[in-house]
């Protein structure tokens, strides 16, 4: 092993290598570095994009909804009692961030000759509004008044622009209940922008007591409860846990089932990443195989000399594989520095922009996942190193007599 390490160090230093072989080796290392950088950026960008879109959708509908078993319950046809035995048990689950009541009521708002269909989402002080607070572009987030019903609403920039409204304007919304029109006047207290038109174009937040009164409910009745989790990854597991806490008359609806087309589209992004990873690893392997073949051919006389001294093929192969592993490791480290550096710059300064109307976000999002990056490095290193056994098979074909006589 000492001989192997000594020769490997000499090869790594580049002594005795031809000018052309050194250039090819540098190109191979650069190829691995670029491949790793692309893989890190691809995974981080897709992770960031999925996280951003998921968070937007979840902010409008939470991770999980608990309602009475009724397909029309989202319109508030069958209200449930606000006091439920399962609330405390669900809130005590470590994965649960919050649980709050909700109620919906559809209506129409008209202003300046424009008409817009809307959905009023009634909420109370327990509503988790971190998303809306971050995406407020004017005014204040929803403020709960425990003493009296608040007329202030949080509405989207999309509706405000379409109806030519401004912050502080009063708007009259027409609702229909029992085949009768019922009008309510609200004041625009906050304007948000999520970038997702299907939500921005319809939903506004209001005091749940307005919706209760419009539906002829007392304050003890709500349409259901929304459960917000700390992590999206706990959704399927918690759905089963919640079902154990509730009785047969209740139903749970996951956000992934409520908006299947959006989450199905997000899952397709994983396929794109897998294709990119496969191509980058394949390119890296081909580069290193080519570089190692050149290195072996450049060191033919050394191989012949080692064989004449009694070195077996396996031992010589290990020398070249160790050298290749060092080059692969060097390329991976450079690639990590490049990928993480570019990702950090994009994360902090949003250098690359996107069309918000098409991608729901105005910049390329980046989310680093340490586990994924470590697995990328480990997997790439192992695959590339294992594949290095193929070009080293040429060593067994080299005749020491011919190489020494030739030199």
Protein backbone atom coordinates (compact mmCIF):
# COMPACT_ATOMS: atom_id res chain seq x y z
CA UNK A 1 0.00 0.00 0.00
CA UNK A 2 2.94 2.35 0.62
CA UNK A 3 4.09 1.87 -2.98
CA UNK A 4 0.58 2.55 -4.25
CA UNK A 5 0.30 5.74 -2.23
CA UNK A 6 3.79 6.93 -3.25
CA UNK A 7 3.08 6.45 -6.97
CA UNK A 8 -0.41 7.94 -6.63
CA UNK A 9 1.07 11.09 -5.04
CA UNK A 10 3.55 11.39 -7.92
CA UNK A 11 0.71 11.03 -10.44
CA UNK A 12 -1.43 13.57 -8.64
CA UNK A 13 1.43 16.05 -8.72
CA UNK A 14 1.47 15.67 -12.53
CA UNK A 15 5.16 14.76 -12.77
CA UNK A 16 5.95 12.73 -15.82
CA UNK A 17 2.61 13.35 -17.47
CA UNK A 18 2.29 14.68 -20.97
CA UNK A 19 1.00 18.16 -21.65
CA UNK A 20 -2.01 16.81 -23.56
CA UNK A 21 -2.98 14.35 -20.83
CA UNK A 22 -2.83 17.07 -18.17
CA UNK A 23 -5.17 19.24 -20.26
CA UNK A 24 -7.63 16.37 -20.71
CA UNK A 25 -7.57 15.61 -16.98
CA UNK A 26 -8.29 19.26 -16.18
CA UNK A 27 -11.21 19.21 -18.59
CA UNK A 28 -12.56 16.06 -16.92
CA UNK A 29 -12.31 17.63 -13.45
CA UNK A 30 -14.01 20.77 -14.77
CA UNK A 31 -16.77 18.59 -16.24
CA UNK A 32 -17.37 16.96 -12.86
CA UNK A 33 -17.37 20.35 -11.14
CA UNK A 34 -19.89 21.81 -13.58
CA UNK A 35 -22.04 18.68 -13.36
CA UNK A 36 -22.14 18.82 -9.55
CA UNK A 37 -22.92 22.55 -9.60
CA UNK A 38 -25.79 21.95 -12.03
CA UNK A 39 -27.14 19.08 -9.90
CA UNK A 40 -27.04 21.16 -6.69
CA UNK A 41 -28.75 24.09 -8.40
CA UNK A 42 -31.37 21.86 -10.05
CA UNK A 43 -32.33 20.16 -6.79
CA UNK A 44 -32.25 23.39 -4.78
CA UNK A 45 -34.30 25.35 -7.32
CA UNK A 46 -36.97 22.65 -7.61
CA UNK A 47 -37.08 22.32 -3.80
CA UNK A 48 -37.46 26.08 -3.51
CA UNK A 49 -40.12 26.25 -6.21
CA UNK A 50 -42.14 23.41 -4.69
CA UNK A 51 -41.85 24.91 -1.21
CA UNK A 52 -42.97 28.37 -2.37
CA UNK A 53 -46.00 27.12 -4.33
CA UNK A 54 -47.02 24.67 -1.60
CA UNK A 55 -46.86 27.43 0.99
CA UNK A 56 -49.03 29.70 -1.13
CA UNK A 57 -51.70 27.04 -1.63
CA UNK A 58 -51.63 25.91 2.01
CA UNK A 59 -52.04 29.49 3.20
CA UNK A 60 -55.44 29.63 1.52
CA UNK A 61 -56.64 26.19 2.57
CA UNK A 62 -54.32 24.89 5.35
CA UNK A 63 -52.84 21.40 5.34
CA UNK A 64 -55.98 19.62 6.47
CA UNK A 65 -59.67 20.52 6.82
CA UNK A 66 -62.10 18.85 9.21
CA UNK A 67 -65.77 19.17 8.27
CA UNK A 68 -69.01 17.33 8.68
CA UNK A 69 -69.38 14.52 6.17
CA UNK A 70 -71.09 16.48 3.39
CA UNK A 71 -69.72 17.22 -0.11
CA UNK A 72 -71.26 20.70 -0.03
CA UNK A 73 -69.94 21.63 3.39
CA UNK A 74 -67.35 24.07 1.96
CA UNK A 75 -70.26 26.39 1.17
CA UNK A 76 -71.42 26.20 4.78
CA UNK A 77 -74.53 24.13 4.13
CA UNK A 78 -74.05 21.96 7.20
CA UNK A 79 -72.36 23.83 10.03
CA UNK A 80 -70.70 22.10 12.93
CA UNK A 81 -70.52 23.08 16.57
CA UNK A 82 -67.50 25.16 17.46
CA UNK A 83 -66.80 23.18 20.63
CA UNK A 84 -65.51 19.74 19.72
CA UNK A 85 -63.85 17.12 21.89
CA UNK A 86 -61.17 16.37 19.30
CA UNK A 87 -59.71 19.90 19.28
CA UNK A 88 -57.47 19.51 22.32
CA UNK A 89 -56.22 16.08 21.24
CA UNK A 90 -55.29 17.30 17.74
CA UNK A 91 -53.64 20.49 19.03
CA UNK A 92 -51.46 18.40 21.35
CA UNK A 93 -49.94 16.50 18.42
CA UNK A 94 -46.27 17.60 17.99
CA UNK A 95 -46.68 18.02 14.22
CA UNK A 96 -49.60 20.46 14.58
CA UNK A 97 -48.80 24.17 14.52
CA UNK A 98 -52.34 25.51 14.94
CA UNK A 99 -56.00 24.69 14.44
CA UNK A 100 -58.64 27.30 13.73
CA UNK A 101 -62.29 27.52 12.61
CA UNK A 102 -63.33 28.80 9.20
CA UNK A 103 -66.44 29.56 7.17
CA UNK A 104 -66.93 30.47 3.51
CA UNK A 105 -69.58 32.56 1.79
CA UNK A 106 -69.65 33.32 -1.94
CA UNK A 107 -70.85 36.67 -3.24
CA UNK A 108 -70.45 39.40 -5.84
CA UNK A 109 -68.72 42.75 -5.53
CA UNK A 110 -69.29 45.54 -8.04
CA UNK A 111 -67.48 48.86 -8.35
CA UNK A 112 -66.89 51.37 -11.14
CA UNK A 113 -68.97 49.29 -13.53
CA UNK A 114 -66.90 46.13 -12.93
CA UNK A 115 -68.28 42.94 -11.38
CA UNK A 116 -66.19 40.31 -9.60
CA UNK A 117 -67.26 37.04 -8.03
CA UNK A 118 -65.63 36.56 -4.64
CA UNK A 119 -65.47 34.15 -1.72
CA UNK A 120 -65.39 35.58 1.78
CA UNK A 121 -63.30 33.44 4.10
CA UNK A 122 -64.32 34.03 7.69
CA UNK A 123 -61.57 33.64 10.29
CA UNK A 124 -60.93 34.55 13.91
CA UNK A 125 -57.95 35.40 16.13
CA UNK A 126 -56.59 31.82 16.02
CA UNK A 127 -55.95 32.05 12.27
CA UNK A 128 -52.26 31.66 11.32
CA UNK A 129 -51.60 34.57 8.98
CA UNK A 130 -47.81 34.43 8.61
CA UNK A 131 -48.13 34.10 4.84
CA UNK A 132 -50.49 37.05 4.46
CA UNK A 133 -48.30 39.17 6.72
CA UNK A 134 -45.28 38.49 4.48
CA UNK A 135 -47.25 39.17 1.31
CA UNK A 136 -49.02 42.37 2.39
CA UNK A 137 -48.24 45.18 -0.04
CA UNK A 138 -50.43 47.81 1.65
CA UNK A 139 -52.33 48.28 4.90
CA UNK A 140 -52.38 45.83 7.78
CA UNK A 141 -52.94 42.11 8.18
CA UNK A 142 -56.25 40.84 9.54
CA UNK A 143 -56.84 42.29 13.01
CA UNK A 144 -59.33 40.54 15.29
CA UNK A 145 -61.55 42.57 17.60
CA UNK A 146 -63.01 40.44 20.36
CA UNK A 147 -65.49 43.11 21.45
CA UNK A 148 -67.25 43.79 18.17
CA UNK A 149 -67.47 42.58 14.61
CA UNK A 150 -64.77 44.08 12.40
CA UNK A 151 -65.68 45.48 8.97
CA UNK A 152 -62.05 45.52 7.86
CA UNK A 153 -61.08 42.98 5.18
CA UNK A 154 -57.84 41.79 3.59
CA UNK A 155 -58.27 41.61 -0.17
CA UNK A 156 -55.96 40.86 -3.11
CA UNK A 157 -54.21 43.36 -5.35
CA UNK A 158 -55.76 41.55 -8.32
CA UNK A 159 -59.32 42.45 -7.22
CA UNK A 160 -58.32 45.97 -6.14
CA UNK A 161 -56.74 46.69 -9.54
CA UNK A 162 -59.60 45.20 -11.50
CA UNK A 163 -62.27 47.14 -9.63
CA UNK A 164 -60.07 50.26 -9.42
CA UNK A 165 -60.19 50.35 -5.64
CA UNK A 166 -57.72 51.71 -3.10
CA UNK A 167 -56.71 51.03 0.48
CA UNK A 168 -59.38 52.40 2.84
CA UNK A 169 -62.18 52.31 0.25
CA UNK A 170 -65.58 50.99 1.22
CA UNK A 171 -66.95 48.13 -0.88
CA UNK A 172 -70.42 46.61 -0.94
CA UNK A 173 -70.61 42.85 -1.39
CA UNK A 174 -73.86 41.14 -2.36
CA UNK A 175 -74.52 37.68 -0.92
CA UNK A 176 -77.47 35.39 -1.54
CA UNK A 177 -79.14 33.56 1.36
CA UNK A 178 -82.49 31.78 1.15
CA UNK A 179 -82.95 33.20 -2.36
CA UNK A 180 -82.66 36.73 -1.03
CA UNK A 181 -79.95 39.29 -1.61
CA UNK A 182 -78.06 40.41 1.48
CA UNK A 183 -75.56 43.25 1.20
CA UNK A 184 -72.64 43.94 3.46
CA UNK A 185 -70.30 46.92 3.41
CA UNK A 186 -66.64 46.33 4.18
CA UNK A 187 -63.57 48.55 4.42
CA UNK A 188 -60.33 47.55 2.67
CA UNK A 189 -57.86 47.36 5.55
CA UNK A 190 -55.12 45.38 3.82
CA UNK A 191 -54.04 44.36 0.32
CA UNK A 192 -52.07 41.17 -0.34
CA UNK A 193 -50.54 39.62 -3.46
CA UNK A 194 -49.72 35.91 -3.67
CA UNK A 195 -49.21 35.74 -7.42
CA UNK A 196 -51.68 32.85 -7.78
CA UNK A 197 -54.57 34.28 -9.75
CA UNK A 198 -57.01 31.47 -8.97
CA UNK A 199 -56.84 32.49 -5.30
CA UNK A 200 -56.12 36.20 -5.63
CA UNK A 201 -59.04 36.56 -8.02
CA UNK A 202 -61.64 35.39 -5.52
CA UNK A 203 -60.67 35.08 -1.84
CA UNK A 204 -60.66 37.81 0.78
CA UNK A 205 -60.37 37.48 4.55
CA UNK A 206 -63.00 38.82 6.89
CA UNK A 207 -64.34 38.45 10.42
CA UNK A 208 -65.98 35.02 10.71
CA UNK A 209 -68.93 36.64 12.51
CA UNK A 210 -70.00 38.26 9.22
CA UNK A 211 -70.22 34.86 7.52
CA UNK A 212 -72.03 33.36 10.51
CA UNK A 213 -74.66 36.08 10.38
CA UNK A 214 -75.04 35.84 6.60
CA UNK A 215 -75.65 32.10 6.95
CA UNK A 216 -78.12 32.65 9.83
CA UNK A 217 -75.81 30.84 12.26
CA UNK A 218 -75.11 31.78 15.82
CA UNK A 219 -71.50 32.28 16.94
CA UNK A 220 -71.26 28.67 18.14
CA UNK A 221 -71.44 27.32 14.57
CA UNK A 222 -68.64 27.14 11.99
CA UNK A 223 -68.12 25.39 8.64
CA UNK A 224 -65.18 23.39 9.94
CA UNK A 225 -61.64 23.50 11.27
CA UNK A 226 -58.36 23.95 9.44
CA UNK A 227 -55.23 22.22 10.74
CA UNK A 228 -51.84 23.83 10.02
CA UNK A 229 -48.71 21.68 10.37
CA UNK A 230 -45.09 22.54 11.04
CA UNK A 231 -43.96 20.43 8.09
CA UNK A 232 -45.69 19.41 4.87
CA UNK A 233 -43.98 16.00 5.11
CA UNK A 234 -46.19 15.09 8.10
CA UNK A 235 -49.42 15.49 6.12
CA UNK A 236 -50.19 11.85 5.31
CA UNK A 237 -49.17 10.63 8.75
CA UNK A 238 -51.24 13.25 10.55
CA UNK A 239 -54.28 12.60 8.36
CA UNK A 240 -54.41 9.08 9.79
CA UNK A 241 -53.89 10.37 13.34
CA UNK A 242 -56.67 12.96 13.01
CA UNK A 243 -59.06 10.31 11.74
CA UNK A 244 -58.47 8.37 14.95
CA UNK A 245 -59.47 11.45 16.99
CA UNK A 246 -62.69 12.28 15.14
CA UNK A 247 -65.92 10.31 14.90
CA UNK A 248 -67.55 8.84 11.81
CA UNK A 249 -69.72 11.91 11.18
CA UNK A 250 -66.66 14.04 10.37
CA UNK A 251 -64.51 14.07 7.27
CA UNK A 252 -60.91 15.11 6.60
CA UNK A 253 -59.71 16.70 3.37
CA UNK A 254 -56.01 17.01 2.62
CA UNK A 255 -54.76 20.02 0.69
CA UNK A 256 -53.22 17.62 -1.86
CA UNK A 257 -56.68 16.19 -2.59
CA UNK A 258 -58.35 19.60 -2.60
CA UNK A 259 -55.95 20.96 -5.25
CA UNK A 260 -54.81 17.81 -7.01
CA UNK A 261 -53.90 19.55 -10.27
CA UNK A 262 -51.44 21.93 -8.58
CA UNK A 263 -49.72 19.28 -6.46
CA UNK A 264 -49.69 16.86 -9.41
CA UNK A 265 -47.91 19.53 -11.44
CA UNK A 266 -45.37 20.04 -8.63
CA UNK A 267 -44.64 16.32 -8.51
CA UNK A 268 -43.81 16.38 -12.22
CA UNK A 269 -40.90 18.69 -11.40
CA UNK A 270 -39.24 15.77 -9.59
CA UNK A 271 -39.13 13.85 -12.86
CA UNK A 272 -37.28 16.73 -14.53
CA UNK A 273 -34.73 16.77 -11.70
CA UNK A 274 -34.16 13.01 -11.97
CA UNK A 275 -33.46 13.36 -15.70
CA UNK A 276 -30.98 16.20 -15.06
CA UNK A 277 -29.20 14.23 -12.33
CA UNK A 278 -28.94 11.14 -14.53
CA UNK A 279 -27.54 13.13 -17.44
CA UNK A 280 -25.01 15.02 -15.29
CA UNK A 281 -23.73 11.83 -13.63
CA UNK A 282 -23.51 10.15 -17.03
CA UNK A 283 -21.48 13.07 -18.43
CA UNK A 284 -19.20 13.03 -15.39
CA UNK A 285 -18.61 9.28 -15.72
CA UNK A 286 -17.80 9.56 -19.44
CA UNK A 287 -15.41 12.45 -18.76
CA UNK A 288 -13.56 10.53 -16.08
CA UNK A 289 -13.41 7.32 -18.11
CA UNK A 290 -11.88 9.26 -20.99
CA UNK A 291 -9.43 11.03 -18.70
CA UNK A 292 -8.36 7.82 -16.99
CA UNK A 293 -7.84 6.05 -20.31
CA UNK A 294 -5.62 8.92 -21.43
CA UNK A 295 -3.75 8.75 -18.12
CA UNK A 296 -3.22 5.00 -18.46
CA UNK A 297 -1.98 5.30 -22.02
CA UNK A 298 0.32 8.15 -20.98
CA UNK A 299 1.78 5.97 -18.20
CA UNK A 300 2.19 2.79 -20.25
CA UNK A 301 5.94 2.63 -19.65
CA UNK A 302 5.42 3.01 -15.90
CA UNK A 303 2.86 0.19 -15.94
CA UNK A 304 5.29 -2.04 -17.85
CA UNK A 305 8.05 -1.25 -15.36
CA UNK A 306 5.79 -2.05 -12.38
CA UNK A 307 4.75 -5.34 -13.95
CA UNK A 308 8.39 -6.26 -14.60
CA UNK A 309 9.06 -5.64 -10.90
CA UNK A 310 6.33 -8.15 -9.99
CA UNK A 311 3.32 -5.87 -9.45
CA UNK A 312 0.05 -7.65 -10.26
CA UNK A 313 -2.71 -6.09 -12.35
CA UNK A 314 -5.00 -5.54 -9.36
CA UNK A 315 -2.40 -3.53 -7.49
CA UNK A 316 -1.69 -1.30 -10.49
CA UNK A 317 -5.43 -0.83 -11.03
CA UNK A 318 -5.77 0.41 -7.44
CA UNK A 319 -3.09 3.04 -8.10
CA UNK A 320 -5.05 4.50 -11.01
CA UNK A 321 -8.40 4.21 -9.21
CA UNK A 322 -6.96 6.09 -6.22
CA UNK A 323 -5.72 8.78 -8.57
CA UNK A 324 -9.13 8.96 -10.27
CA UNK A 325 -10.89 9.11 -6.90
CA UNK A 326 -8.73 12.10 -5.95
CA UNK A 327 -9.59 13.87 -9.20
CA UNK A 328 -13.31 13.09 -8.72
CA UNK A 329 -13.18 14.42 -5.16
CA UNK A 330 -11.44 17.59 -6.36
CA UNK A 331 -14.10 18.12 -9.03
CA UNK A 332 -16.91 17.57 -6.53
CA UNK A 333 -15.45 20.11 -4.09
CA UNK A 334 -15.11 22.73 -6.81
CA UNK A 335 -18.65 21.93 -7.97
CA UNK A 336 -20.01 22.32 -4.46
CA UNK A 337 -18.34 25.69 -4.06
CA UNK A 338 -19.69 26.84 -7.43
CA UNK A 339 -23.23 25.50 -6.97
CA UNK A 340 -23.65 26.66 -3.38
CA UNK A 341 -22.11 30.04 -4.19
CA UNK A 342 -24.42 30.72 -7.14
CA UNK A 343 -27.40 29.44 -5.18
CA UNK A 344 -26.60 31.68 -2.24
CA UNK A 345 -26.31 34.73 -4.51
CA UNK A 346 -29.70 33.94 -6.09
CA UNK A 347 -31.23 33.29 -2.67
CA UNK A 348 -30.07 36.62 -1.29
CA UNK A 349 -30.28 38.96 -4.28
CA UNK A 350 -32.87 37.35 -6.61
CA UNK A 351 -30.69 37.92 -9.66
CA UNK A 352 -32.76 35.68 -11.95
CA UNK A 353 -36.35 36.84 -12.40
CA UNK A 354 -39.49 34.98 -13.48
CA UNK A 355 -42.81 35.97 -15.00
CA UNK A 356 -45.10 35.95 -11.97
CA UNK A 357 -48.20 35.41 -14.11
CA UNK A 358 -46.79 32.13 -15.41
CA UNK A 359 -44.75 30.81 -12.46
CA UNK A 360 -46.64 32.34 -9.48
CA UNK A 361 -43.38 33.84 -8.22
CA UNK A 362 -41.25 36.74 -9.48
CA UNK A 363 -37.80 35.17 -8.99
CA UNK A 364 -36.09 31.79 -9.16
CA UNK A 365 -36.43 30.35 -5.63
CA UNK A 366 -33.57 28.42 -4.03
CA UNK A 367 -33.91 26.14 -1.02
CA UNK A 368 -30.83 24.20 0.11
CA UNK A 369 -31.42 20.80 1.64
CA UNK A 370 -28.31 19.50 3.42
CA UNK A 371 -29.37 15.85 3.20
CA UNK A 372 -30.00 16.03 -0.55
CA UNK A 373 -26.67 17.75 -1.19
CA UNK A 374 -24.76 15.19 0.87
CA UNK A 375 -26.49 12.31 -0.92
CA UNK A 376 -25.70 13.92 -4.30
CA UNK A 377 -22.03 14.13 -3.40
CA UNK A 378 -21.84 10.63 -1.97
CA UNK A 379 -23.78 9.07 -4.84
CA UNK A 380 -21.78 10.87 -7.52
CA UNK A 381 -18.47 9.97 -5.89
CA UNK A 382 -19.38 6.29 -5.51
CA UNK A 383 -20.82 5.91 -9.02
CA UNK A 384 -17.90 7.67 -10.71
CA UNK A 385 -15.28 5.78 -8.67
CA UNK A 386 -16.89 2.38 -9.25
CA UNK A 387 -17.10 3.05 -12.99
CA UNK A 388 -13.36 3.71 -13.01
CA UNK A 389 -12.81 -0.05 -12.87
CA UNK A 390 -13.80 -0.24 -16.56
CA UNK A 391 -10.90 1.75 -18.05
CA UNK A 392 -8.39 0.11 -15.69
CA UNK A 393 -9.12 -3.24 -17.37
CA UNK A 394 -6.85 -2.00 -20.15
CA UNK A 395 -3.93 -2.46 -17.74
CA UNK A 396 -4.23 -6.24 -17.94
CA UNK A 397 -3.68 -6.04 -21.73
CA UNK A 398 -0.39 -4.17 -21.44
CA UNK A 399 2.65 -6.39 -22.10
CA UNK A 400 5.64 -5.25 -19.96
CA UNK A 401 8.18 -6.75 -22.45
CA UNK A 402 6.81 -4.70 -25.35
CA UNK A 403 6.53 -1.48 -23.40
CA UNK A 404 10.09 -1.69 -22.01
CA UNK A 405 11.53 -2.73 -25.42
CA UNK A 406 9.62 0.13 -27.10
CA UNK A 407 11.06 2.67 -24.69
